[in-house]
C-alpha atoms as a PDB file:
ATOM      1  CA  UNK A   1     150.213 -78.323 148.446  1.00  0.00           C
ATOM      2  CA  UNK A   2     147.328 -76.053 146.869  1.00  0.00           C
ATOM      3  CA  UNK A   3     144.658 -77.474 148.964  1.00  0.00           C
ATOM      4  CA  UNK A   4     147.016 -76.857 152.137  1.00  0.00           C
ATOM      5  CA  UNK A   5     147.417 -73.284 151.235  1.00  0.00           C
ATOM      6  CA  UNK A   6     143.691 -72.894 150.859  1.00  0.00           C
ATOM      7  CA  UNK A   7     142.982 -74.376 154.222  1.00  0.00           C
ATOM      8  CA  UNK A   8     145.545 -72.076 156.089  1.00  0.00           C
ATOM      9  CA  UNK A   9     143.971 -68.999 154.449  1.00  0.00           C
ATOM     10  CA  UNK A  10     140.568 -70.144 155.435  1.00  0.00           C
ATOM     11  CA  UNK A  11     141.600 -70.759 159.066  1.00  0.00           C
ATOM     12  CA  UNK A  12     143.551 -67.235 158.985  1.00  0.00           C
ATOM     13  CA  UNK A  13     140.396 -65.616 157.842  1.00  0.00           C
ATOM     14  CA  UNK A  14     138.104 -67.560 160.496  1.00  0.00           C
ATOM     15  CA  UNK A  15     140.629 -66.491 163.235  1.00  0.00           C
ATOM     16  CA  UNK A  16     140.598 -63.066 162.251  1.00  0.00           C
ATOM     17  CA  UNK A  17     136.755 -62.848 162.115  1.00  0.00           C
ATOM     18  CA  UNK A  18     136.405 -64.319 165.473  1.00  0.00           C
ATOM     19  CA  UNK A  19     138.757 -61.988 166.937  1.00  0.00           C
ATOM     20  CA  UNK A  20     136.977 -59.273 165.464  1.00  0.00           C
ATOM     21  CA  UNK A  21     133.453 -60.173 166.778  1.00  0.00           C
ATOM     22  CA  UNK A  22     135.070 -60.832 169.954  1.00  0.00           C
ATOM     23  CA  UNK A  23     136.132 -57.401 170.274  1.00  0.00           C
ATOM     24  CA  UNK A  24     132.493 -56.003 168.914  1.00  0.00           C
ATOM     25  CA  UNK A  25     130.853 -58.036 171.752  1.00  0.00           C
ATOM     26  CA  UNK A  26     133.213 -56.562 174.510  1.00  0.00           C
ATOM     27  CA  UNK A  27     133.106 -53.120 173.329  1.00  0.00           C
ATOM     28  CA  UNK A  28     131.167 -50.860 175.986  1.00  0.00           C
ATOM     29  CA  UNK A  29     129.193 -48.037 174.671  1.00  0.00           C
ATOM     30  CA  UNK A  30     129.679 -44.695 176.552  1.00  0.00           C
ATOM     31  CA  UNK A  31     126.732 -43.752 178.699  1.00  0.00           C
ATOM     32  CA  UNK A  32     124.235 -41.364 177.092  1.00  0.00           C
ATOM     33  CA  UNK A  33     124.799 -37.727 178.511  1.00  0.00           C
ATOM     34  CA  UNK A  34     122.030 -35.276 177.673  1.00  0.00           C
ATOM     35  CA  UNK A  35     123.412 -31.882 176.502  1.00  0.00           C
ATOM     36  CA  UNK A  36     123.892 -29.317 179.360  1.00  0.00           C
ATOM     37  CA  UNK A  37     121.301 -26.625 179.577  1.00  0.00           C
ATOM     38  CA  UNK A  38     122.360 -23.255 180.178  1.00  0.00           C
ATOM     39  CA  UNK A  39     121.237 -22.065 183.454  1.00  0.00           C
ATOM     40  CA  UNK A  40     119.306 -18.665 184.134  1.00  0.00           C
ATOM     41  CA  UNK A  41     121.188 -15.340 184.680  1.00  0.00           C
ATOM     42  CA  UNK A  42     124.068 -15.413 187.259  1.00  0.00           C
ATOM     43  CA  UNK A  43     124.559 -12.035 188.946  1.00  0.00           C
ATOM     44  CA  UNK A  44     128.227 -11.081 188.906  1.00  0.00           C
ATOM     45  CA  UNK A  45     129.209  -8.090 190.926  1.00  0.00           C
ATOM     46  CA  UNK A  46     131.973  -6.015 189.140  1.00  0.00           C
ATOM     47  CA  UNK A  47     135.018  -4.744 190.988  1.00  0.00           C
ATOM     48  CA  UNK A  48     134.468  -1.434 192.721  1.00  0.00           C
ATOM     49  CA  UNK A  49     137.763  -0.301 191.061  1.00  0.00           C
ATOM     50  CA  UNK A  50     137.192  -1.387 187.597  1.00  0.00           C
ATOM     51  CA  UNK A  51     140.747  -0.648 186.569  1.00  0.00           C
ATOM     52  CA  UNK A  52     143.830  -2.742 185.418  1.00  0.00           C
ATOM     53  CA  UNK A  53     145.898   0.191 186.034  1.00  0.00           C
ATOM     54  CA  UNK A  54     145.173   0.510 189.753  1.00  0.00           C
ATOM     55  CA  UNK A  55     143.752  -2.945 190.565  1.00  0.00           C
ATOM     56  CA  UNK A  56     145.081  -5.538 188.423  1.00  0.00           C
ATOM     57  CA  UNK A  57     145.149  -8.484 190.547  1.00  0.00           C
ATOM     58  CA  UNK A  58     141.437  -8.199 191.282  1.00  0.00           C
ATOM     59  CA  UNK A  59     140.589  -7.451 187.775  1.00  0.00           C
ATOM     60  CA  UNK A  60     142.116 -10.582 186.613  1.00  0.00           C
ATOM     61  CA  UNK A  61     140.403 -12.842 189.151  1.00  0.00           C
ATOM     62  CA  UNK A  62     137.319 -11.138 188.256  1.00  0.00           C
ATOM     63  CA  UNK A  63     137.457 -11.854 184.343  1.00  0.00           C
ATOM     64  CA  UNK A  64     138.552 -15.593 185.213  1.00  0.00           C
ATOM     65  CA  UNK A  65     135.319 -15.885 187.331  1.00  0.00           C
ATOM     66  CA  UNK A  66     133.279 -14.405 184.429  1.00  0.00           C
ATOM     67  CA  UNK A  67     134.796 -16.929 182.063  1.00  0.00           C
ATOM     68  CA  UNK A  68     134.026 -19.718 184.356  1.00  0.00           C
ATOM     69  CA  UNK A  69     130.402 -18.981 184.896  1.00  0.00           C
ATOM     70  CA  UNK A  70     129.717 -18.222 181.354  1.00  0.00           C
ATOM     71  CA  UNK A  71     130.266 -22.044 180.645  1.00  0.00           C
ATOM     72  CA  UNK A  72     127.124 -22.712 182.197  1.00  0.00           C
ATOM     73  CA  UNK A  73     124.936 -19.514 182.697  1.00  0.00           C
ATOM     74  CA  UNK A  74     124.034 -16.292 181.418  1.00  0.00           C
ATOM     75  CA  UNK A  75     125.697 -13.258 183.035  1.00  0.00           C
ATOM     76  CA  UNK A  76     124.137 -10.227 184.774  1.00  0.00           C
ATOM     77  CA  UNK A  77     127.023  -7.669 185.442  1.00  0.00           C
ATOM     78  CA  UNK A  78     126.235  -5.643 188.577  1.00  0.00           C
ATOM     79  CA  UNK A  79     127.930  -2.175 187.946  1.00  0.00           C
ATOM     80  CA  UNK A  80     125.942  -0.343 190.671  1.00  0.00           C
ATOM     81  CA  UNK A  81     128.932   0.020 193.165  1.00  0.00           C
ATOM     82  CA  UNK A  82     131.521   0.822 190.663  1.00  0.00           C
ATOM     83  CA  UNK A  83     133.259   4.148 191.427  1.00  0.00           C
ATOM     84  CA  UNK A  84     136.145   4.222 189.058  1.00  0.00           C
ATOM     85  CA  UNK A  85     136.326   3.090 185.327  1.00  0.00           C
ATOM     86  CA  UNK A  86     139.250   3.280 183.202  1.00  0.00           C
ATOM     87  CA  UNK A  87     139.275   2.515 179.325  1.00  0.00           C
ATOM     88  CA  UNK A  88     141.692  -0.445 179.173  1.00  0.00           C
ATOM     89  CA  UNK A  89     139.336  -2.211 181.796  1.00  0.00           C
ATOM     90  CA  UNK A  90     136.343  -1.460 179.368  1.00  0.00           C
ATOM     91  CA  UNK A  91     138.252  -2.902 176.403  1.00  0.00           C
ATOM     92  CA  UNK A  92     139.296  -5.919 178.217  1.00  0.00           C
ATOM     93  CA  UNK A  93     135.694  -6.620 179.428  1.00  0.00           C
ATOM     94  CA  UNK A  94     134.186  -6.218 175.897  1.00  0.00           C
ATOM     95  CA  UNK A  95     136.886  -8.568 174.477  1.00  0.00           C
ATOM     96  CA  UNK A  96     135.884 -11.211 177.120  1.00  0.00           C
ATOM     97  CA  UNK A  97     132.195 -11.061 176.374  1.00  0.00           C
ATOM     98  CA  UNK A  98     132.222 -10.825 172.702  1.00  0.00           C
ATOM     99  CA  UNK A  99     130.150 -13.246 170.878  1.00  0.00           C
ATOM    100  CA  UNK A 100     133.326 -14.776 169.437  1.00  0.00           C
ATOM    101  CA  UNK A 101     134.401 -15.518 172.814  1.00  0.00           C
ATOM    102  CA  UNK A 102     131.105 -16.546 174.519  1.00  0.00           C
ATOM    103  CA  UNK A 103     128.878 -17.444 171.723  1.00  0.00           C
ATOM    104  CA  UNK A 104     126.265 -19.059 173.729  1.00  0.00           C
ATOM    105  CA  UNK A 105     126.112 -16.791 176.563  1.00  0.00           C
ATOM    106  CA  UNK A 106     123.853 -13.646 176.982  1.00  0.00           C
ATOM    107  CA  UNK A 107     125.301 -10.746 178.839  1.00  0.00           C
ATOM    108  CA  UNK A 108     123.318  -7.830 180.563  1.00  0.00           C
ATOM    109  CA  UNK A 109     124.261  -5.170 182.989  1.00  0.00           C
ATOM    110  CA  UNK A 110     123.109  -1.987 185.003  1.00  0.00           C
ATOM    111  CA  UNK A 111     124.774   1.503 185.343  1.00  0.00           C
ATOM    112  CA  UNK A 112     126.752   2.615 188.193  1.00  0.00           C
ATOM    113  CA  UNK A 113     125.623   5.080 190.855  1.00  0.00           C
ATOM    114  CA  UNK A 114     128.740   6.985 190.566  1.00  0.00           C
ATOM    115  CA  UNK A 115     128.239   9.882 188.021  1.00  0.00           C
ATOM    116  CA  UNK A 116     131.817  10.072 186.641  1.00  0.00           C
ATOM    117  CA  UNK A 117     131.890   6.224 186.343  1.00  0.00           C
ATOM    118  CA  UNK A 118     128.493   6.350 184.443  1.00  0.00           C
ATOM    119  CA  UNK A 119     129.604   9.029 182.015  1.00  0.00           C
ATOM    120  CA  UNK A 120     132.759   7.037 181.273  1.00  0.00           C
ATOM    121  CA  UNK A 121     130.840   3.761 180.653  1.00  0.00           C
ATOM    122  CA  UNK A 122     128.189   5.485 178.555  1.00  0.00           C
ATOM    123  CA  UNK A 123     130.600   7.612 176.456  1.00  0.00           C
ATOM    124  CA  UNK A 124     132.665   4.367 175.750  1.00  0.00           C
ATOM    125  CA  UNK A 125     130.115   2.699 173.828  1.00  0.00           C
ATOM    126  CA  UNK A 126     130.130  -0.424 176.314  1.00  0.00           C
ATOM    127  CA  UNK A 127     126.225  -0.678 175.996  1.00  0.00           C
ATOM    128  CA  UNK A 128     126.541  -1.455 172.362  1.00  0.00           C
ATOM    129  CA  UNK A 129     127.560  -4.950 173.537  1.00  0.00           C
ATOM    130  CA  UNK A 130     125.234  -5.378 176.664  1.00  0.00           C
ATOM    131  CA  UNK A 131     121.682  -5.187 177.562  1.00  0.00           C
ATOM    132  CA  UNK A 132     121.114  -2.455 180.280  1.00  0.00           C
ATOM    133  CA  UNK A 133     118.465  -3.800 183.009  1.00  0.00           C
ATOM    134  CA  UNK A 134     117.711  -0.046 183.479  1.00  0.00           C
ATOM    135  CA  UNK A 135     116.819   2.358 180.703  1.00  0.00           C
ATOM    136  CA  UNK A 136     119.875   4.341 179.645  1.00  0.00           C
ATOM    137  CA  UNK A 137     119.680   8.159 179.664  1.00  0.00           C
ATOM    138  CA  UNK A 138     119.698   9.849 176.168  1.00  0.00           C
ATOM    139  CA  UNK A 139     122.188  12.049 174.742  1.00  0.00           C
ATOM    140  CA  UNK A 140     125.512  10.896 175.442  1.00  0.00           C
ATOM    141  CA  UNK A 141     125.499   7.076 174.631  1.00  0.00           C
ATOM    142  CA  UNK A 142     128.508   5.922 172.612  1.00  0.00           C
ATOM    143  CA  UNK A 143     130.328   9.210 171.951  1.00  0.00           C
ATOM    144  CA  UNK A 144     133.327   7.225 170.990  1.00  0.00           C
ATOM    145  CA  UNK A 145     132.813   6.416 167.227  1.00  0.00           C
ATOM    146  CA  UNK A 146     134.859   4.811 164.301  1.00  0.00           C
ATOM    147  CA  UNK A 147     136.661   7.199 162.194  1.00  0.00           C
ATOM    148  CA  UNK A 148     137.447   6.189 158.738  1.00  0.00           C
ATOM    149  CA  UNK A 149     140.276   7.761 156.647  1.00  0.00           C
ATOM    150  CA  UNK A 150     142.753   6.597 153.736  1.00  0.00           C
ATOM    151  CA  UNK A 151     145.683   8.620 155.295  1.00  0.00           C
ATOM    152  CA  UNK A 152     148.085   8.270 158.220  1.00  0.00           C
ATOM    153  CA  UNK A 153     146.706  11.181 160.939  1.00  0.00           C
ATOM    154  CA  UNK A 154     149.213  12.215 163.422  1.00  0.00           C
ATOM    155  CA  UNK A 155     146.703  14.548 165.041  1.00  0.00           C
ATOM    156  CA  UNK A 156     144.200  11.813 165.671  1.00  0.00           C
ATOM    157  CA  UNK A 157     147.245   9.583 167.209  1.00  0.00           C
ATOM    158  CA  UNK A 158     147.798  12.596 169.446  1.00  0.00           C
ATOM    159  CA  UNK A 159     144.391  12.975 170.301  1.00  0.00           C
ATOM    160  CA  UNK A 160     144.105   9.275 171.174  1.00  0.00           C
ATOM    161  CA  UNK A 161     147.297   9.305 173.309  1.00  0.00           C
ATOM    162  CA  UNK A 162     145.901  12.591 175.253  1.00  0.00           C
ATOM    163  CA  UNK A 163     142.444  10.901 175.935  1.00  0.00           C
ATOM    164  CA  UNK A 164     144.275   7.855 177.446  1.00  0.00           C
ATOM    165  CA  UNK A 165     146.610   9.892 179.598  1.00  0.00           C
ATOM    166  CA  UNK A 166     143.886  11.883 180.890  1.00  0.00           C
ATOM    167  CA  UNK A 167     141.709   8.928 181.730  1.00  0.00           C
ATOM    168  CA  UNK A 168     144.591   7.152 183.331  1.00  0.00           C
ATOM    169  CA  UNK A 169     146.489   9.997 185.171  1.00  0.00           C
ATOM    170  CA  UNK A 170     143.913  12.815 185.494  1.00  0.00           C
ATOM    171  CA  UNK A 171     146.184  15.111 183.005  1.00  0.00           C
ATOM    172  CA  UNK A 172     147.446  15.172 179.611  1.00  0.00           C
ATOM    173  CA  UNK A 173     150.990  13.963 179.557  1.00  0.00           C
ATOM    174  CA  UNK A 174     153.685  13.833 177.201  1.00  0.00           C
ATOM    175  CA  UNK A 175     156.716  11.563 177.827  1.00  0.00           C
ATOM    176  CA  UNK A 176     159.088   9.101 176.285  1.00  0.00           C
ATOM    177  CA  UNK A 177     156.517   6.528 176.666  1.00  0.00           C
ATOM    178  CA  UNK A 178     153.767   8.376 174.934  1.00  0.00           C
ATOM    179  CA  UNK A 179     156.253   9.195 172.082  1.00  0.00           C
ATOM    180  CA  UNK A 180     156.679   5.561 171.727  1.00  0.00           C
ATOM    181  CA  UNK A 181     152.817   5.124 171.775  1.00  0.00           C
ATOM    182  CA  UNK A 182     152.588   7.741 169.178  1.00  0.00           C
ATOM    183  CA  UNK A 183     155.154   6.080 166.848  1.00  0.00           C
ATOM    184  CA  UNK A 184     153.408   2.572 167.386  1.00  0.00           C
ATOM    185  CA  UNK A 185     149.945   4.178 166.402  1.00  0.00           C
ATOM    186  CA  UNK A 186     151.465   5.896 163.197  1.00  0.00           C
ATOM    187  CA  UNK A 187     152.859   2.348 162.304  1.00  0.00           C
ATOM    188  CA  UNK A 188     149.671   0.707 163.016  1.00  0.00           C
ATOM    189  CA  UNK A 189     147.578   3.336 160.768  1.00  0.00           C
ATOM    190  CA  UNK A 190     149.976   2.857 157.760  1.00  0.00           C
ATOM    191  CA  UNK A 191     150.091  -0.872 158.301  1.00  0.00           C
ATOM    192  CA  UNK A 192     146.243  -1.005 158.270  1.00  0.00           C
ATOM    193  CA  UNK A 193     145.745   0.891 154.995  1.00  0.00           C
ATOM    194  CA  UNK A 194     148.879  -0.774 153.392  1.00  0.00           C
ATOM    195  CA  UNK A 195     147.950  -4.415 154.291  1.00  0.00           C
ATOM    196  CA  UNK A 196     144.406  -4.773 155.846  1.00  0.00           C
ATOM    197  CA  UNK A 197     142.325  -2.370 153.590  1.00  0.00           C
ATOM    198  CA  UNK A 198     140.596  -3.827 150.421  1.00  0.00           C
ATOM    199  CA  UNK A 199     142.088  -2.813 146.975  1.00  0.00           C
ATOM    200  CA  UNK A 200     141.286   0.440 145.769  1.00  0.00           C
ATOM    201  CA  UNK A 201     140.148   1.673 149.015  1.00  0.00           C
END
């Protein structure tokens, strides 16, 4: 009986080993694929009306195209023909091309010919994130600066709202929607200090 059990175990072992070797022989290795090399700069024309407020559909399509080409190419943003720029579109573009979103893609760009569009772009600090093909004028680059405080500042909240409404509508406006934005900003300031700040700061 003992000899019989030993023989069965030996046969089972041989059967399993034969099956394993058969699988090893029939397994096909995937073909070697060399890593894709990122292509040279692809010139991408920015929409003339660079605004989600007035040109949302075209802006969405532009950002999708930008993400698609950034997978294989570096990007040169052509802003020469832009005649209108609004802050929310600049913020969306900065978020799209940030190193965390496009770690392997270099981004560069030029300036609009339109003086108002150029001024808004320069003062927004946008060129802290991209390299200009042309030399930037001195004096008023990146006027929007970070302001640090340990308190909730109602005056600063209204300044932000007035700046946003002026850029969006051409005039300072106060309405139920701006009051809701004010309440949200005050809440964000308080939450940032209470929950995001380091202890003792």
